[in-house]
């Protein structure tokens, strides 16, 4: 069964396409935003104070295993 083109030409168009710089993000990535909102919601439920700026290092990471 013949292939659909030679492998020597693989990726030809992609390598010729000019690289466009990414636009700067205005909002947080949804995963980070959801984690931060969960952290704030849990603090409020426990009656603890919620700082105006939540440092990401204060959010405990899940243990893998």
PDB file of N, CA and C in Angstrom:
ATOM      1  N   UNK A   1       0.845  -1.168   0.000  1.00  0.00           N
ATOM      2  CA  UNK A   1       0.000   0.000   0.000  1.00  0.00           C
ATOM      3  C   UNK A   1       0.899   1.241   0.000  1.00  0.00           C
ATOM      4  N   UNK A   2       0.754   2.117  -0.958  1.00  0.00           N
ATOM      5  CA  UNK A   2       1.640   3.289  -1.031  1.00  0.00           C
ATOM      6  C   UNK A   2       1.286   4.317   0.049  1.00  0.00           C
ATOM      7  N   UNK A   3       2.317   5.076   0.446  1.00  0.00           N
ATOM      8  CA  UNK A   3       2.095   6.119   1.463  1.00  0.00           C
ATOM      9  C   UNK A   3       1.598   7.398   0.788  1.00  0.00           C
ATOM     10  N   UNK A   4       1.131   8.311   1.574  1.00  0.00           N
ATOM     11  CA  UNK A   4       0.604   9.569   1.056  1.00  0.00           C
ATOM     12  C   UNK A   4       1.685  10.640   1.091  1.00  0.00           C
ATOM     13  N   UNK A   5       2.757  10.473   0.392  1.00  0.00           N
ATOM     14  CA  UNK A   5       3.839  11.449   0.364  1.00  0.00           C
ATOM     15  C   UNK A   5       5.070  10.925   1.078  1.00  0.00           C
ATOM     16  N   UNK A   6       6.200  11.465   0.692  1.00  0.00           N
ATOM     17  CA  UNK A   6       7.445  10.979   1.280  1.00  0.00           C
ATOM     18  C   UNK A   6       7.681  11.607   2.654  1.00  0.00           C
ATOM     19  N   UNK A   7       8.370  10.874   3.502  1.00  0.00           N
ATOM     20  CA  UNK A   7       8.659  11.365   4.842  1.00  0.00           C
ATOM     21  C   UNK A   7       9.717  12.455   4.839  1.00  0.00           C
ATOM     22  N   UNK A   8      10.435  12.613   3.732  1.00  0.00           N
ATOM     23  CA  UNK A   8      11.451  13.669   3.680  1.00  0.00           C
ATOM     24  C   UNK A   8      10.807  15.050   3.636  1.00  0.00           C
ATOM     25  N   UNK A   9       9.542  15.107   3.237  1.00  0.00           N
ATOM     26  CA  UNK A   9       8.860  16.395   3.172  1.00  0.00           C
ATOM     27  C   UNK A   9       7.984  16.663   4.399  1.00  0.00           C
ATOM     28  N   UNK A  10       8.046  15.803   5.390  1.00  0.00           N
ATOM     29  CA  UNK A  10       7.190  15.954   6.567  1.00  0.00           C
ATOM     30  C   UNK A  10       7.569  17.211   7.340  1.00  0.00           C
ATOM     31  N   UNK A  11       6.584  18.016   7.684  1.00  0.00           N
ATOM     32  CA  UNK A  11       6.813  19.226   8.452  1.00  0.00           C
ATOM     33  C   UNK A  11       7.296  20.403   7.640  1.00  0.00           C
ATOM     34  N   UNK A  12       7.244  20.309   6.320  1.00  0.00           N
ATOM     35  CA  UNK A  12       7.774  21.369   5.451  1.00  0.00           C
ATOM     36  C   UNK A  12       7.012  22.675   5.638  1.00  0.00           C
ATOM     37  N   UNK A  13       5.695  22.614   5.615  1.00  0.00           N
ATOM     38  CA  UNK A  13       4.892  23.839   5.693  1.00  0.00           C
ATOM     39  C   UNK A  13       5.011  24.472   7.077  1.00  0.00           C
ATOM     40  N   UNK A  14       5.002  23.648   8.111  1.00  0.00           N
ATOM     41  CA  UNK A  14       5.070  24.193   9.465  1.00  0.00           C
ATOM     42  C   UNK A  14       6.388  24.914   9.698  1.00  0.00           C
ATOM     43  N   UNK A  15       7.473  24.370   9.195  1.00  0.00           N
ATOM     44  CA  UNK A  15       8.765  25.018   9.402  1.00  0.00           C
ATOM     45  C   UNK A  15       8.888  26.309   8.599  1.00  0.00           C
ATOM     46  N   UNK A  16       8.114  26.456   7.522  1.00  0.00           N
ATOM     47  CA  UNK A  16       8.173  27.673   6.715  1.00  0.00           C
ATOM     48  C   UNK A  16       7.243  28.769   7.230  1.00  0.00           C
ATOM     49  N   UNK A  17       6.302  28.416   8.111  1.00  0.00           N
ATOM     50  CA  UNK A  17       5.344  29.394   8.616  1.00  0.00           C
ATOM     51  C   UNK A  17       6.031  30.331   9.601  1.00  0.00           C
ATOM     52  N   UNK A  18       5.847  31.641   9.450  1.00  0.00           N
ATOM     53  CA  UNK A  18       6.498  32.564  10.388  1.00  0.00           C
ATOM     54  C   UNK A  18       5.903  32.453  11.785  1.00  0.00           C
ATOM     55  N   UNK A  19       6.753  32.609  12.784  1.00  0.00           N
ATOM     56  CA  UNK A  19       6.325  32.516  14.177  1.00  0.00           C
ATOM     57  C   UNK A  19       5.696  33.838  14.602  1.00  0.00           C
ATOM     58  N   UNK A  20       4.478  33.764  15.138  1.00  0.00           N
ATOM     59  CA  UNK A  20       3.785  34.956  15.613  1.00  0.00           C
ATOM     60  C   UNK A  20       3.897  34.972  17.136  1.00  0.00           C
ATOM     61  N   UNK A  21       4.347  36.079  17.733  1.00  0.00           N
ATOM     62  CA  UNK A  21       4.469  36.100  19.195  1.00  0.00           C
ATOM     63  C   UNK A  21       3.107  36.019  19.861  1.00  0.00           C
ATOM     64  N   UNK A  22       3.059  35.338  20.987  1.00  0.00           N
ATOM     65  CA  UNK A  22       1.803  35.141  21.712  1.00  0.00           C
ATOM     66  C   UNK A  22       1.348  36.446  22.349  1.00  0.00           C
ATOM     67  N   UNK A  23       0.019  36.635  22.406  1.00  0.00           N
ATOM     68  CA  UNK A  23      -0.525  37.816  23.076  1.00  0.00           C
ATOM     69  C   UNK A  23      -0.395  37.632  24.579  1.00  0.00           C
ATOM     70  N   UNK A  24      -0.116  38.688  25.322  1.00  0.00           N
ATOM     71  CA  UNK A  24      -0.039  38.534  26.774  1.00  0.00           C
ATOM     72  C   UNK A  24      -1.407  38.208  27.362  1.00  0.00           C
ATOM     73  N   UNK A  25      -1.426  37.322  28.335  1.00  0.00           N
ATOM     74  CA  UNK A  25      -2.677  36.909  28.956  1.00  0.00           C
ATOM     75  C   UNK A  25      -3.149  37.989  29.920  1.00  0.00           C
ATOM     76  N   UNK A  26      -4.457  38.249  29.897  1.00  0.00           N
ATOM     77  CA  UNK A  26      -5.026  39.236  30.810  1.00  0.00           C
ATOM     78  C   UNK A  26      -5.527  38.570  32.082  1.00  0.00           C
ATOM     79  N   UNK A  27      -6.043  37.375  31.955  1.00  0.00           N
ATOM     80  CA  UNK A  27      -6.607  36.664  33.103  1.00  0.00           C
ATOM     81  C   UNK A  27      -5.723  35.480  33.465  1.00  0.00           C
ATOM     82  N   UNK A  28      -5.982  34.941  34.640  1.00  0.00           N
ATOM     83  CA  UNK A  28      -5.264  33.740  35.062  1.00  0.00           C
ATOM     84  C   UNK A  28      -5.742  32.543  34.248  1.00  0.00           C
ATOM     85  N   UNK A  29      -4.912  31.533  34.198  1.00  0.00           N
ATOM     86  CA  UNK A  29      -5.288  30.278  33.580  1.00  0.00           C
ATOM     87  C   UNK A  29      -6.436  29.700  34.420  1.00  0.00           C
ATOM     88  N   UNK A  30      -7.473  29.123  33.797  1.00  0.00           N
ATOM     89  CA  UNK A  30      -8.627  28.647  34.572  1.00  0.00           C
ATOM     90  C   UNK A  30      -8.268  27.705  35.712  1.00  0.00           C
ATOM     91  N   UNK A  31      -7.292  26.840  35.539  1.00  0.00           N
ATOM     92  CA  UNK A  31      -6.918  25.909  36.603  1.00  0.00           C
ATOM     93  C   UNK A  31      -6.418  26.660  37.830  1.00  0.00           C
ATOM     94  N   UNK A  32      -5.617  27.688  37.629  1.00  0.00           N
ATOM     95  CA  UNK A  32      -5.084  28.475  38.745  1.00  0.00           C
ATOM     96  C   UNK A  32      -6.190  29.310  39.372  1.00  0.00           C
ATOM     97  N   UNK A  33      -7.041  29.890  38.536  1.00  0.00           N
ATOM     98  CA  UNK A  33      -8.136  30.713  39.052  1.00  0.00           C
ATOM     99  C   UNK A  33      -9.098  29.878  39.891  1.00  0.00           C
ATOM    100  N   UNK A  34      -9.435  28.673  39.427  1.00  0.00           N
ATOM    101  CA  UNK A  34     -10.347  27.795  40.176  1.00  0.00           C
ATOM    102  C   UNK A  34      -9.736  27.377  41.508  1.00  0.00           C
ATOM    103  N   UNK A  35      -8.442  27.092  41.507  1.00  0.00           N
ATOM    104  CA  UNK A  35      -7.772  26.694  42.740  1.00  0.00           C
ATOM    105  C   UNK A  35      -7.795  27.849  43.749  1.00  0.00           C
ATOM    106  N   UNK A  36      -7.563  29.069  43.267  1.00  0.00           N
ATOM    107  CA  UNK A  36      -7.566  30.239  44.137  1.00  0.00           C
ATOM    108  C   UNK A  36      -8.965  30.512  44.686  1.00  0.00           C
ATOM    109  N   UNK A  37      -9.979  30.389  43.830  1.00  0.00           N
ATOM    110  CA  UNK A  37     -11.354  30.609  44.288  1.00  0.00           C
ATOM    111  C   UNK A  37     -11.766  29.551  45.313  1.00  0.00           C
ATOM    112  N   UNK A  38     -11.334  28.318  45.110  1.00  0.00           N
ATOM    113  CA  UNK A  38     -11.624  27.260  46.075  1.00  0.00           C
ATOM    114  C   UNK A  38     -10.977  27.573  47.418  1.00  0.00           C
ATOM    115  N   UNK A  39      -9.735  28.047  47.372  1.00  0.00           N
ATOM    116  CA  UNK A  39      -9.004  28.380  48.589  1.00  0.00           C
ATOM    117  C   UNK A  39      -9.720  29.485  49.358  1.00  0.00           C
ATOM    118  N   UNK A  40     -10.183  30.520  48.656  1.00  0.00           N
ATOM    119  CA  UNK A  40     -10.908  31.621  49.293  1.00  0.00           C
ATOM    120  C   UNK A  40     -12.225  31.122  49.878  1.00  0.00           C
ATOM    121  N   UNK A  41     -12.936  30.282  49.132  1.00  0.00           N
ATOM    122  CA  UNK A  41     -14.222  29.750  49.603  1.00  0.00           C
ATOM    123  C   UNK A  41     -14.033  28.913  50.868  1.00  0.00           C
ATOM    124  N   UNK A  42     -12.980  28.106  50.922  1.00  0.00           N
ATOM    125  CA  UNK A  42     -12.715  27.282  52.095  1.00  0.00           C
ATOM    126  C   UNK A  42     -12.347  28.138  53.303  1.00  0.00           C
ATOM    127  N   UNK A  43     -11.571  29.190  53.087  1.00  0.00           N
ATOM    128  CA  UNK A  43     -11.186  30.081  54.189  1.00  0.00           C
ATOM    129  C   UNK A  43     -12.419  30.762  54.781  1.00  0.00           C
ATOM    130  N   UNK A  44     -13.318  31.213  53.900  1.00  0.00           N
ATOM    131  CA  UNK A  44     -14.536  31.873  54.375  1.00  0.00           C
ATOM    132  C   UNK A  44     -15.424  30.900  55.137  1.00  0.00           C
ATOM    133  N   UNK A  45     -15.492  29.656  54.682  1.00  0.00           N
ATOM    134  CA  UNK A  45     -16.322  28.652  55.345  1.00  0.00           C
ATOM    135  C   UNK A  45     -15.784  28.322  56.737  1.00  0.00           C
ATOM    136  N   UNK A  46     -14.462  28.389  56.902  1.00  0.00           N
ATOM    137  CA  UNK A  46     -13.848  28.104  58.195  1.00  0.00           C
ATOM    138  C   UNK A  46     -13.822  29.332  59.104  1.00  0.00           C
ATOM    139  N   UNK A  47     -14.243  30.484  58.581  1.00  0.00           N
ATOM    140  CA  UNK A  47     -14.249  31.702  59.382  1.00  0.00           C
ATOM    141  C   UNK A  47     -12.889  32.346  59.508  1.00  0.00           C
ATOM    142  N   UNK A  48     -11.967  31.999  58.618  1.00  0.00           N
ATOM    143  CA  UNK A  48     -10.629  32.572  58.654  1.00  0.00           C
ATOM    144  C   UNK A  48     -10.579  33.829  57.786  1.00  0.00           C
ATOM    145  N   UNK A  49      -9.659  34.729  58.078  1.00  0.00           N
ATOM    146  CA  UNK A  49      -9.570  35.937  57.245  1.00  0.00           C
ATOM    147  C   UNK A  49      -9.028  35.595  55.862  1.00  0.00           C
ATOM    148  N   UNK A  50      -9.516  36.316  54.862  1.00  0.00           N
ATOM    149  CA  UNK A  50      -9.078  36.115  53.487  1.00  0.00           C
ATOM    150  C   UNK A  50      -8.260  37.331  53.072  1.00  0.00           C
ATOM    151  N   UNK A  51      -6.978  37.164  52.793  1.00  0.00           N
ATOM    152  CA  UNK A  51      -6.177  38.309  52.373  1.00  0.00           C
ATOM    153  C   UNK A  51      -6.625  38.818  51.005  1.00  0.00           C
ATOM    154  N   UNK A  52      -6.340  40.094  50.740  1.00  0.00           N
ATOM    155  CA  UNK A  52      -6.759  40.671  49.466  1.00  0.00           C
ATOM    156  C   UNK A  52      -5.985  40.052  48.310  1.00  0.00           C
ATOM    157  N   UNK A  53      -4.715  39.747  48.521  1.00  0.00           N
ATOM    158  CA  UNK A  53      -3.905  39.080  47.504  1.00  0.00           C
ATOM    159  C   UNK A  53      -3.549  37.706  48.038  1.00  0.00           C
ATOM    160  N   UNK A  54      -3.949  36.667  47.331  1.00  0.00           N
ATOM    161  CA  UNK A  54      -3.707  35.301  47.777  1.00  0.00           C
ATOM    162  C   UNK A  54      -2.433  34.803  47.107  1.00  0.00           C
ATOM    163  N   UNK A  55      -1.368  34.581  47.874  1.00  0.00           N
ATOM    164  CA  UNK A  55      -0.145  34.080  47.250  1.00  0.00           C
ATOM    165  C   UNK A  55      -0.327  32.630  46.820  1.00  0.00           C
ATOM    166  N   UNK A  56       0.100  32.299  45.603  1.00  0.00           N
ATOM    167  CA  UNK A  56      -0.079  30.913  45.148  1.00  0.00           C
ATOM    168  C   UNK A  56       0.720  29.913  45.963  1.00  0.00           C
ATOM    169  N   UNK A  57       1.789  30.351  46.609  1.00  0.00           N
ATOM    170  CA  UNK A  57       2.599  29.408  47.388  1.00  0.00           C
ATOM    171  C   UNK A  57       1.872  28.956  48.651  1.00  0.00           C
ATOM    172  N   UNK A  58       0.838  29.699  49.072  1.00  0.00           N
ATOM    173  CA  UNK A  58       0.140  29.326  50.288  1.00  0.00           C
ATOM    174  C   UNK A  58      -0.904  28.243  50.045  1.00  0.00           C
ATOM    175  N   UNK A  59      -1.186  27.956  48.796  1.00  0.00           N
ATOM    176  CA  UNK A  59      -2.174  26.928  48.478  1.00  0.00           C
ATOM    177  C   UNK A  59      -1.445  25.582  48.462  1.00  0.00           C
ATOM    178  N   UNK A  60      -1.840  24.659  49.340  1.00  0.00           N
ATOM    179  CA  UNK A  60      -1.127  23.373  49.373  1.00  0.00           C
ATOM    180  C   UNK A  60      -1.365  22.565  48.103  1.00  0.00           C
ATOM    181  N   UNK A  61      -0.306  21.923  47.630  1.00  0.00           N
ATOM    182  CA  UNK A  61      -0.406  21.088  46.439  1.00  0.00           C
ATOM    183  C   UNK A  61      -0.801  19.674  46.836  1.00  0.00           C
ATOM    184  N   UNK A  62      -1.473  18.985  45.920  1.00  0.00           N
ATOM    185  CA  UNK A  62      -1.874  17.612  46.180  1.00  0.00           C
ATOM    186  C   UNK A  62      -0.645  16.707  46.178  1.00  0.00           C
ATOM    187  N   UNK A  63      -0.668  15.713  47.024  1.00  0.00           N
ATOM    188  CA  UNK A  63       0.406  14.735  47.050  1.00  0.00           C
ATOM    189  C   UNK A  63       0.143  13.695  45.963  1.00  0.00           C
ATOM    190  N   UNK A  64       1.154  13.430  45.177  1.00  0.00           N
ATOM    191  CA  UNK A  64       1.005  12.411  44.129  1.00  0.00           C
ATOM    192  C   UNK A  64       1.241  11.039  44.734  1.00  0.00           C
ATOM    193  N   UNK A  65       0.445  10.105  44.266  1.00  0.00           N
ATOM    194  CA  UNK A  65       0.707   8.760  44.770  1.00  0.00           C
ATOM    195  C   UNK A  65      -0.435   7.845  44.681  1.00  0.00           C
TER     196      UNK A  65
END
